[in-house]
Amino acid sequence: MSGPFPDVNPPVLAWAAWRAYKIDAKMHGEADRDFLKGLFSKLLLNFTWWVNRKDEEGNNVFQGAF
């Protein structure tokens, strides 16, 4: 990988979406599952992108960068 950031870091978008979901549920008294459903395919695409950059052995497991 070239460029100013040669190492990738773990994805946190799914964690952030889950936290937003939980905070919103607590604030409004009900869970917004449509929020999660709307994000799922986008989060899956993002995860796939990360796995393809840090899976040197082809095991479909993110190896991390820290």
C-alpha atoms as a PDB file:
ATOM      1  CA  MET A   1       0.000   0.000   0.000  1.00  0.00           C
ATOM      2  CA  SER A   2       1.398   3.372  -0.906  1.00  0.00           C
ATOM      3  CA  GLY A   3       0.591   6.912   0.068  1.00  0.00           C
ATOM      4  CA  PRO A   4       0.888   8.973   3.227  1.00  0.00           C
ATOM      5  CA  PHE A   5      -0.928   6.352   5.319  1.00  0.00           C
ATOM      6  CA  PRO A   6       0.691   2.998   4.483  1.00  0.00           C
ATOM      7  CA  ASP A   7      -0.932   1.075   7.320  1.00  0.00           C
ATOM      8  CA  VAL A   8      -4.669   0.622   7.802  1.00  0.00           C
ATOM      9  CA  ASN A   9      -6.424   0.709  11.147  1.00  0.00           C
ATOM     10  CA  PRO A  10      -9.412  -1.344  12.267  1.00  0.00           C
ATOM     11  CA  PRO A  11     -12.869  -0.277  11.111  1.00  0.00           C
ATOM     12  CA  VAL A  12     -14.987   1.403  13.740  1.00  0.00           C
ATOM     13  CA  LEU A  13     -18.046   2.346  11.682  1.00  0.00           C
ATOM     14  CA  ALA A  14     -20.111  -0.649  12.842  1.00  0.00           C
ATOM     15  CA  TRP A  15     -19.240   0.101  16.459  1.00  0.00           C
ATOM     16  CA  ALA A  16     -20.191   3.766  15.973  1.00  0.00           C
ATOM     17  CA  ALA A  17     -23.496   2.792  14.316  1.00  0.00           C
ATOM     18  CA  TRP A  18     -24.302   0.456  17.214  1.00  0.00           C
ATOM     19  CA  ARG A  19     -23.488   3.158  19.774  1.00  0.00           C
ATOM     20  CA  ALA A  20     -25.662   5.701  17.931  1.00  0.00           C
ATOM     21  CA  TYR A  21     -28.472   3.110  17.802  1.00  0.00           C
ATOM     22  CA  LYS A  22     -28.246   2.429  21.552  1.00  0.00           C
ATOM     23  CA  ILE A  23     -28.012   6.113  22.497  1.00  0.00           C
ATOM     24  CA  ASP A  24     -30.967   6.990  20.266  1.00  0.00           C
ATOM     25  CA  ALA A  25     -33.029   4.135  21.755  1.00  0.00           C
ATOM     26  CA  LYS A  26     -32.303   5.367  25.257  1.00  0.00           C
ATOM     27  CA  MET A  27     -33.171   8.959  24.342  1.00  0.00           C
ATOM     28  CA  HIS A  28     -36.433   8.113  22.552  1.00  0.00           C
ATOM     29  CA  GLY A  29     -37.520   5.054  24.523  1.00  0.00           C
ATOM     30  CA  GLU A  30     -37.630   2.768  21.497  1.00  0.00           C
ATOM     31  CA  ALA A  31     -35.122   1.129  19.171  1.00  0.00           C
ATOM     32  CA  ASP A  32     -34.941   2.241  15.534  1.00  0.00           C
ATOM     33  CA  ARG A  33     -34.194  -1.035  13.774  1.00  0.00           C
ATOM     34  CA  ASP A  34     -34.754   0.599  10.395  1.00  0.00           C
ATOM     35  CA  PHE A  35     -31.644   2.672  11.127  1.00  0.00           C
ATOM     36  CA  LEU A  36     -29.569  -0.503  11.464  1.00  0.00           C
ATOM     37  CA  LYS A  37     -31.231  -2.176   8.476  1.00  0.00           C
ATOM     38  CA  GLY A  38     -30.411   0.863   6.345  1.00  0.00           C
ATOM     39  CA  LEU A  39     -26.751   0.751   7.330  1.00  0.00           C
ATOM     40  CA  PHE A  40     -26.132  -2.987   7.131  1.00  0.00           C
ATOM     41  CA  SER A  41     -25.172  -3.283   3.446  1.00  0.00           C
ATOM     42  CA  LYS A  42     -22.977  -0.186   3.671  1.00  0.00           C
ATOM     43  CA  LEU A  43     -21.205  -1.541   6.757  1.00  0.00           C
ATOM     44  CA  LEU A  44     -20.723  -4.894   5.055  1.00  0.00           C
ATOM     45  CA  LEU A  45     -19.107  -3.195   2.066  1.00  0.00           C
ATOM     46  CA  ASN A  46     -16.845  -1.224   4.390  1.00  0.00           C
ATOM     47  CA  PHE A  47     -15.849  -4.372   6.313  1.00  0.00           C
ATOM     48  CA  THR A  48     -15.059  -6.180   3.060  1.00  0.00           C
ATOM     49  CA  TRP A  49     -12.851  -3.294   1.965  1.00  0.00           C
ATOM     50  CA  TRP A  50     -10.885  -3.499   5.239  1.00  0.00           C
ATOM     51  CA  VAL A  51     -10.546  -7.278   5.161  1.00  0.00           C
ATOM     52  CA  ASN A  52      -9.112  -7.131   1.663  1.00  0.00           C
ATOM     53  CA  ARG A  53      -6.365  -4.830   2.888  1.00  0.00           C
ATOM     54  CA  LYS A  54      -5.279  -6.717   6.019  1.00  0.00           C
ATOM     55  CA  ASP A  55      -5.855 -10.392   5.267  1.00  0.00           C
ATOM     56  CA  GLU A  56      -2.448 -11.504   4.061  1.00  0.00           C
ATOM     57  CA  GLU A  57      -3.236 -15.198   4.597  1.00  0.00           C
ATOM     58  CA  GLY A  58      -6.659 -15.150   2.896  1.00  0.00           C
ATOM     59  CA  ASN A  59      -8.632 -16.239   5.986  1.00  0.00           C
ATOM     60  CA  ASN A  60     -11.227 -13.442   5.834  1.00  0.00           C
ATOM     61  CA  VAL A  61     -10.052 -12.236   9.223  1.00  0.00           C
ATOM     62  CA  PHE A  62      -8.973  -8.648   9.847  1.00  0.00           C
ATOM     63  CA  GLN A  63      -5.433  -8.745  11.203  1.00  0.00           C
ATOM     64  CA  GLY A  64      -5.363  -5.285  12.734  1.00  0.00           C
ATOM     65  CA  ALA A  65      -2.767  -2.601  12.493  1.00  0.00           C
ATOM     66  CA  PHE A  66      -1.852  -1.596  16.014  1.00  0.00           C
END
